[in-house]
Amino acid sequence: MSGTKVYIGNLYLRASKKELESLFSRYGEVKRVELIEGSGFGFVEMSTSEEAEKARKALDGAEFLERVIRVR
């Protein structure tokens, strides 16, 4: 996994790509959002490793759609 791609776990199963993009765009440019349907996890690719790290630090353990998400 590249330094610009982060894993998001414990997602609400009905979370959308647009909702995740909106959440992560607060920390930089979102290049791509990938949700693994029906699994509760996905990946977000940021434009730089610095933005990815900033998002990871800010969002790991944060509440998103009434779930506490893991960002790695």
PDB file of N, CA and C in Angstrom:
ATOM      1  N   MET A   1       0.851  -1.174   0.000  1.00  0.00           N
ATOM      2  CA  MET A   1       0.000   0.000   0.000  1.00  0.00           C
ATOM      3  C   MET A   1       0.893   1.232   0.000  1.00  0.00           C
ATOM      4  N   SER A   2       0.581   2.172  -0.855  1.00  0.00           N
ATOM      5  CA  SER A   2       1.401   3.378  -0.957  1.00  0.00           C
ATOM      6  C   SER A   2       1.159   4.295   0.231  1.00  0.00           C
ATOM      7  N   GLY A   3       2.046   5.271   0.407  1.00  0.00           N
ATOM      8  CA  GLY A   3       1.926   6.214   1.503  1.00  0.00           C
ATOM      9  C   GLY A   3       0.774   7.187   1.355  1.00  0.00           C
ATOM     10  N   THR A   4       0.109   7.183   0.206  1.00  0.00           N
ATOM     11  CA  THR A   4      -0.999   8.109  -0.008  1.00  0.00           C
ATOM     12  C   THR A   4      -2.358   7.432   0.181  1.00  0.00           C
ATOM     13  N   LYS A   5      -2.355   6.138   0.417  1.00  0.00           N
ATOM     14  CA  LYS A   5      -3.601   5.373   0.523  1.00  0.00           C
ATOM     15  C   LYS A   5      -3.818   4.951   1.973  1.00  0.00           C
ATOM     16  N   VAL A   6      -5.017   5.231   2.501  1.00  0.00           N
ATOM     17  CA  VAL A   6      -5.334   4.847   3.870  1.00  0.00           C
ATOM     18  C   VAL A   6      -6.519   3.896   3.891  1.00  0.00           C
ATOM     19  N   TYR A   7      -6.500   3.014   4.880  1.00  0.00           N
ATOM     20  CA  TYR A   7      -7.570   2.047   5.121  1.00  0.00           C
ATOM     21  C   TYR A   7      -8.554   2.669   6.091  1.00  0.00           C
ATOM     22  N   ILE A   8      -9.844   2.476   5.842  1.00  0.00           N
ATOM     23  CA  ILE A   8     -10.883   2.930   6.766  1.00  0.00           C
ATOM     24  C   ILE A   8     -11.718   1.722   7.147  1.00  0.00           C
ATOM     25  N   GLY A   9     -11.786   1.432   8.436  1.00  0.00           N
ATOM     26  CA  GLY A   9     -12.545   0.289   8.926  1.00  0.00           C
ATOM     27  C   GLY A   9     -13.676   0.710   9.841  1.00  0.00           C
ATOM     28  N   ASN A  10     -14.572  -0.230  10.101  1.00  0.00           N
ATOM     29  CA  ASN A  10     -15.746  -0.042  10.958  1.00  0.00           C
ATOM     30  C   ASN A  10     -16.703   0.999  10.383  1.00  0.00           C
ATOM     31  N   LEU A  11     -16.796   1.024   9.057  1.00  0.00           N
ATOM     32  CA  LEU A  11     -17.709   1.957   8.388  1.00  0.00           C
ATOM     33  C   LEU A  11     -19.144   1.474   8.472  1.00  0.00           C
ATOM     34  N   TYR A  12     -20.050   2.420   8.533  1.00  0.00           N
ATOM     35  CA  TYR A  12     -21.470   2.133   8.383  1.00  0.00           C
ATOM     36  C   TYR A  12     -21.649   1.522   6.988  1.00  0.00           C
ATOM     37  N   LEU A  13     -22.361   0.415   6.899  1.00  0.00           N
ATOM     38  CA  LEU A  13     -22.471  -0.304   5.625  1.00  0.00           C
ATOM     39  C   LEU A  13     -23.080   0.521   4.501  1.00  0.00           C
ATOM     40  N   ARG A  14     -23.863   1.535   4.848  1.00  0.00           N
ATOM     41  CA  ARG A  14     -24.481   2.360   3.812  1.00  0.00           C
ATOM     42  C   ARG A  14     -23.714   3.648   3.548  1.00  0.00           C
ATOM     43  N   ALA A  15     -22.506   3.745   4.067  1.00  0.00           N
ATOM     44  CA  ALA A  15     -21.678   4.931   3.803  1.00  0.00           C
ATOM     45  C   ALA A  15     -21.410   5.010   2.302  1.00  0.00           C
ATOM     46  N   SER A  16     -21.420   6.226   1.785  1.00  0.00           N
ATOM     47  CA  SER A  16     -21.202   6.408   0.346  1.00  0.00           C
ATOM     48  C   SER A  16     -19.808   6.955   0.062  1.00  0.00           C
ATOM     49  N   LYS A  17     -19.391   6.807  -1.177  1.00  0.00           N
ATOM     50  CA  LYS A  17     -18.109   7.360  -1.609  1.00  0.00           C
ATOM     51  C   LYS A  17     -18.107   8.875  -1.442  1.00  0.00           C
ATOM     52  N   LYS A  18     -19.223   9.511  -1.760  1.00  0.00           N
ATOM     53  CA  LYS A  18     -19.316  10.969  -1.644  1.00  0.00           C
ATOM     54  C   LYS A  18     -19.154  11.425  -0.188  1.00  0.00           C
ATOM     55  N   GLU A  19     -19.765  10.697   0.742  1.00  0.00           N
ATOM     56  CA  GLU A  19     -19.636  11.047   2.161  1.00  0.00           C
ATOM     57  C   GLU A  19     -18.192  10.917   2.629  1.00  0.00           C
ATOM     58  N   LEU A  20     -17.524   9.844   2.220  1.00  0.00           N
ATOM     59  CA  LEU A  20     -16.117   9.662   2.591  1.00  0.00           C
ATOM     60  C   LEU A  20     -15.230  10.716   1.940  1.00  0.00           C
ATOM     61  N   GLU A  21     -15.496  11.008   0.691  1.00  0.00           N
ATOM     62  CA  GLU A  21     -14.716  12.036   0.001  1.00  0.00           C
ATOM     63  C   GLU A  21     -14.864  13.380   0.706  1.00  0.00           C
ATOM     64  N   SER A  22     -16.071  13.708   1.110  1.00  0.00           N
ATOM     65  CA  SER A  22     -16.325  14.960   1.819  1.00  0.00           C
ATOM     66  C   SER A  22     -15.560  14.998   3.150  1.00  0.00           C
ATOM     67  N   LEU A  23     -15.580  13.906   3.882  1.00  0.00           N
ATOM     68  CA  LEU A  23     -14.882  13.829   5.165  1.00  0.00           C
ATOM     69  C   LEU A  23     -13.374  13.994   4.989  1.00  0.00           C
ATOM     70  N   PHE A  24     -12.796  13.259   4.064  1.00  0.00           N
ATOM     71  CA  PHE A  24     -11.345  13.276   3.883  1.00  0.00           C
ATOM     72  C   PHE A  24     -10.845  14.526   3.169  1.00  0.00           C
ATOM     73  N   SER A  25     -11.693  15.177   2.390  1.00  0.00           N
ATOM     74  CA  SER A  25     -11.253  16.373   1.655  1.00  0.00           C
ATOM     75  C   SER A  25     -10.918  17.536   2.583  1.00  0.00           C
ATOM     76  N   ARG A  26     -11.317  17.450   3.828  1.00  0.00           N
ATOM     77  CA  ARG A  26     -10.939  18.472   4.821  1.00  0.00           C
ATOM     78  C   ARG A  26      -9.430  18.471   5.070  1.00  0.00           C
ATOM     79  N   TYR A  27      -8.768  17.370   4.704  1.00  0.00           N
ATOM     80  CA  TYR A  27      -7.343  17.195   5.013  1.00  0.00           C
ATOM     81  C   TYR A  27      -6.463  17.208   3.769  1.00  0.00           C
ATOM     82  N   GLY A  28      -7.064  17.463   2.609  1.00  0.00           N
ATOM     83  CA  GLY A  28      -6.291  17.529   1.377  1.00  0.00           C
ATOM     84  C   GLY A  28      -7.099  17.047   0.189  1.00  0.00           C
ATOM     85  N   GLU A  29      -6.412  16.873  -0.936  1.00  0.00           N
ATOM     86  CA  GLU A  29      -7.071  16.440  -2.166  1.00  0.00           C
ATOM     87  C   GLU A  29      -7.262  14.923  -2.171  1.00  0.00           C
ATOM     88  N   VAL A  30      -8.509  14.513  -2.351  1.00  0.00           N
ATOM     89  CA  VAL A  30      -8.842  13.088  -2.437  1.00  0.00           C
ATOM     90  C   VAL A  30      -8.732  12.666  -3.898  1.00  0.00           C
ATOM     91  N   LYS A  31      -7.877  11.692  -4.158  1.00  0.00           N
ATOM     92  CA  LYS A  31      -7.686  11.199  -5.522  1.00  0.00           C
ATOM     93  C   LYS A  31      -8.695  10.100  -5.870  1.00  0.00           C
ATOM     94  N   ARG A  32      -8.983   9.235  -4.882  1.00  0.00           N
ATOM     95  CA  ARG A  32      -9.844   8.086  -5.157  1.00  0.00           C
ATOM     96  C   ARG A  32     -10.426   7.546  -3.858  1.00  0.00           C
ATOM     97  N   VAL A  33     -11.673   7.075  -3.934  1.00  0.00           N
ATOM     98  CA  VAL A  33     -12.336   6.419  -2.811  1.00  0.00           C
ATOM     99  C   VAL A  33     -12.797   5.050  -3.297  1.00  0.00           C
ATOM    100  N   GLU A  34     -12.463   4.026  -2.534  1.00  0.00           N
ATOM    101  CA  GLU A  34     -12.867   2.662  -2.884  1.00  0.00           C
ATOM    102  C   GLU A  34     -13.559   2.040  -1.670  1.00  0.00           C
ATOM    103  N   LEU A  35     -14.810   1.651  -1.839  1.00  0.00           N
ATOM    104  CA  LEU A  35     -15.553   0.966  -0.783  1.00  0.00           C
ATOM    105  C   LEU A  35     -15.711  -0.496  -1.166  1.00  0.00           C
ATOM    106  N   ILE A  36     -15.478  -1.379  -0.216  1.00  0.00           N
ATOM    107  CA  ILE A  36     -15.682  -2.800  -0.439  1.00  0.00           C
ATOM    108  C   ILE A  36     -17.116  -3.084   0.019  1.00  0.00           C
ATOM    109  N   GLU A  37     -17.990  -3.234  -0.943  1.00  0.00           N
ATOM    110  CA  GLU A  37     -19.417  -3.321  -0.675  1.00  0.00           C
ATOM    111  C   GLU A  37     -19.780  -4.429   0.313  1.00  0.00           C
ATOM    112  N   GLY A  38     -20.603  -4.053   1.298  1.00  0.00           N
ATOM    113  CA  GLY A  38     -21.105  -4.998   2.279  1.00  0.00           C
ATOM    114  C   GLY A  38     -20.082  -5.441   3.316  1.00  0.00           C
ATOM    115  N   SER A  39     -18.919  -4.791   3.353  1.00  0.00           N
ATOM    116  CA  SER A  39     -17.864  -5.252   4.255  1.00  0.00           C
ATOM    117  C   SER A  39     -17.586  -4.304   5.422  1.00  0.00           C
ATOM    118  N   GLY A  40     -17.964  -3.046   5.286  1.00  0.00           N
ATOM    119  CA  GLY A  40     -17.691  -2.084   6.345  1.00  0.00           C
ATOM    120  C   GLY A  40     -16.277  -1.524   6.325  1.00  0.00           C
ATOM    121  N   PHE A  41     -15.584  -1.655   5.196  1.00  0.00           N
ATOM    122  CA  PHE A  41     -14.269  -1.029   5.093  1.00  0.00           C
ATOM    123  C   PHE A  41     -14.012  -0.552   3.679  1.00  0.00           C
ATOM    124  N   GLY A  42     -12.979   0.265   3.552  1.00  0.00           N
ATOM    125  CA  GLY A  42     -12.623   0.801   2.248  1.00  0.00           C
ATOM    126  C   GLY A  42     -11.276   1.490   2.304  1.00  0.00           C
ATOM    127  N   PHE A  43     -10.958   2.193   1.241  1.00  0.00           N
ATOM    128  CA  PHE A  43      -9.679   2.878   1.116  1.00  0.00           C
ATOM    129  C   PHE A  43      -9.899   4.261   0.528  1.00  0.00           C
ATOM    130  N   VAL A  44      -9.088   5.209   0.974  1.00  0.00           N
ATOM    131  CA  VAL A  44      -9.091   6.552   0.408  1.00  0.00           C
ATOM    132  C   VAL A  44      -7.659   6.861   0.000  1.00  0.00           C
ATOM    133  N   GLU A  45      -7.505   7.331  -1.224  1.00  0.00           N
ATOM    134  CA  GLU A  45      -6.188   7.736  -1.698  1.00  0.00           C
ATOM    135  C   GLU A  45      -6.128   9.251  -1.748  1.00  0.00           C
ATOM    136  N   MET A  46      -5.143   9.804  -1.039  1.00  0.00           N
ATOM    137  CA  MET A  46      -4.930  11.240  -0.995  1.00  0.00           C
ATOM    138  C   MET A  46      -3.846  11.596  -2.009  1.00  0.00           C
ATOM    139  N   SER A  47      -3.681  12.889  -2.303  1.00  0.00           N
ATOM    140  CA  SER A  47      -2.704  13.289  -3.319  1.00  0.00           C
ATOM    141  C   SER A  47      -1.261  13.231  -2.825  1.00  0.00           C
ATOM    142  N   THR A  48      -1.035  13.372  -1.511  1.00  0.00           N
ATOM    143  CA  THR A  48       0.324  13.278  -0.976  1.00  0.00           C
ATOM    144  C   THR A  48       0.331  12.426   0.297  1.00  0.00           C
ATOM    145  N   SER A  49       1.502  11.915   0.636  1.00  0.00           N
ATOM    146  CA  SER A  49       1.621  11.121   1.863  1.00  0.00           C
ATOM    147  C   SER A  49       1.410  12.002   3.099  1.00  0.00           C
ATOM    148  N   GLU A  50       1.772  13.276   3.000  1.00  0.00           N
ATOM    149  CA  GLU A  50       1.564  14.196   4.124  1.00  0.00           C
ATOM    150  C   GLU A  50       0.068  14.374   4.402  1.00  0.00           C
ATOM    151  N   GLU A  51      -0.715  14.523   3.350  1.00  0.00           N
ATOM    152  CA  GLU A  51      -2.171  14.658   3.517  1.00  0.00           C
ATOM    153  C   GLU A  51      -2.770  13.374   4.081  1.00  0.00           C
ATOM    154  N   ALA A  52      -2.290  12.241   3.611  1.00  0.00           N
ATOM    155  CA  ALA A  52      -2.787  10.951   4.103  1.00  0.00           C
ATOM    156  C   ALA A  52      -2.503  10.808   5.598  1.00  0.00           C
ATOM    157  N   GLU A  53      -1.309  11.183   6.022  1.00  0.00           N
ATOM    158  CA  GLU A  53      -0.930  11.098   7.438  1.00  0.00           C
ATOM    159  C   GLU A  53      -1.751  12.067   8.282  1.00  0.00           C
ATOM    160  N   LYS A  54      -1.971  13.256   7.772  1.00  0.00           N
ATOM    161  CA  LYS A  54      -2.789  14.258   8.473  1.00  0.00           C
ATOM    162  C   LYS A  54      -4.215  13.732   8.672  1.00  0.00           C
ATOM    163  N   ALA A  55      -4.796  13.153   7.640  1.00  0.00           N
ATOM    164  CA  ALA A  55      -6.148  12.588   7.726  1.00  0.00           C
ATOM    165  C   ALA A  55      -6.177  11.412   8.702  1.00  0.00           C
ATOM    166  N   ARG A  56      -5.166  10.554   8.630  1.00  0.00           N
ATOM    167  CA  ARG A  56      -5.105   9.394   9.522  1.00  0.00           C
ATOM    168  C   ARG A  56      -5.079   9.835  10.979  1.00  0.00           C
ATOM    169  N   LYS A  57      -4.222  10.789  11.291  1.00  0.00           N
ATOM    170  CA  LYS A  57      -4.113  11.273  12.673  1.00  0.00           C
ATOM    171  C   LYS A  57      -5.408  11.915  13.153  1.00  0.00           C
ATOM    172  N   ALA A  58      -6.054  12.668  12.287  1.00  0.00           N
ATOM    173  CA  ALA A  58      -7.271  13.390  12.673  1.00  0.00           C
ATOM    174  C   ALA A  58      -8.490  12.476  12.778  1.00  0.00           C
ATOM    175  N   LEU A  59      -8.555  11.444  11.946  1.00  0.00           N
ATOM    176  CA  LEU A  59      -9.795  10.672  11.841  1.00  0.00           C
ATOM    177  C   LEU A  59      -9.780   9.306  12.523  1.00  0.00           C
ATOM    178  N   ASP A  60      -8.619   8.778  12.869  1.00  0.00           N
ATOM    179  CA  ASP A  60      -8.591   7.481  13.549  1.00  0.00           C
ATOM    180  C   ASP A  60      -9.270   7.614  14.909  1.00  0.00           C
ATOM    181  N   GLY A  61     -10.327   6.863  15.114  1.00  0.00           N
ATOM    182  CA  GLY A  61     -11.096   6.930  16.353  1.00  0.00           C
ATOM    183  C   GLY A  61     -12.205   7.970  16.340  1.00  0.00           C
ATOM    184  N   ALA A  62     -12.377   8.656  15.201  1.00  0.00           N
ATOM    185  CA  ALA A  62     -13.430   9.675  15.088  1.00  0.00           C
ATOM    186  C   ALA A  62     -14.785   9.020  14.817  1.00  0.00           C
ATOM    187  N   GLU A  63     -15.841   9.738  15.146  1.00  0.00           N
ATOM    188  CA  GLU A  63     -17.187   9.250  14.855  1.00  0.00           C
ATOM    189  C   GLU A  63     -17.602   9.724  13.464  1.00  0.00           C
ATOM    190  N   PHE A  64     -18.082   8.787  12.674  1.00  0.00           N
ATOM    191  CA  PHE A  64     -18.545   9.076  11.310  1.00  0.00           C
ATOM    192  C   PHE A  64     -19.792   8.244  11.074  1.00  0.00           C
ATOM    193  N   LEU A  65     -20.911   8.918  10.830  1.00  0.00           N
ATOM    194  CA  LEU A  65     -22.205   8.252  10.632  1.00  0.00           C
ATOM    195  C   LEU A  65     -22.532   7.316  11.793  1.00  0.00           C
ATOM    196  N   GLU A  66     -22.318   7.835  13.014  1.00  0.00           N
ATOM    197  CA  GLU A  66     -22.641   7.144  14.259  1.00  0.00           C
ATOM    198  C   GLU A  66     -21.811   5.886  14.510  1.00  0.00           C
ATOM    199  N   ARG A  67     -20.660   5.772  13.849  1.00  0.00           N
ATOM    200  CA  ARG A  67     -19.722   4.669  14.070  1.00  0.00           C
ATOM    201  C   ARG A  67     -18.355   5.265  14.362  1.00  0.00           C
ATOM    202  N   VAL A  68     -17.585   4.621  15.227  1.00  0.00           N
ATOM    203  CA  VAL A  68     -16.211   5.045  15.478  1.00  0.00           C
ATOM    204  C   VAL A  68     -15.335   4.324  14.454  1.00  0.00           C
ATOM    205  N   ILE A  69     -14.726   5.105  13.570  1.00  0.00           N
ATOM    206  CA  ILE A  69     -13.969   4.504  12.469  1.00  0.00           C
ATOM    207  C   ILE A  69     -12.491   4.322  12.839  1.00  0.00           C
ATOM    208  N   ARG A  70     -11.870   3.352  12.158  1.00  0.00           N
ATOM    209  CA  ARG A  70     -10.433   3.123  12.267  1.00  0.00           C
ATOM    210  C   ARG A  70      -9.802   3.578  10.958  1.00  0.00           C
ATOM    211  N   VAL A  71      -8.751   4.336  11.070  1.00  0.00           N
ATOM    212  CA  VAL A  71      -8.034   4.810   9.869  1.00  0.00           C
ATOM    213  C   VAL A  71      -6.579   4.426  10.032  1.00  0.00           C
ATOM    214  N   ARG A  72      -6.077   3.621   9.111  1.00  0.00           N
ATOM    215  CA  ARG A  72      -4.694   3.108   9.174  1.00  0.00           C
ATOM    216  C   ARG A  72      -3.966   3.405   7.889  1.00  0.00           C
TER     217      ARG A  72
END
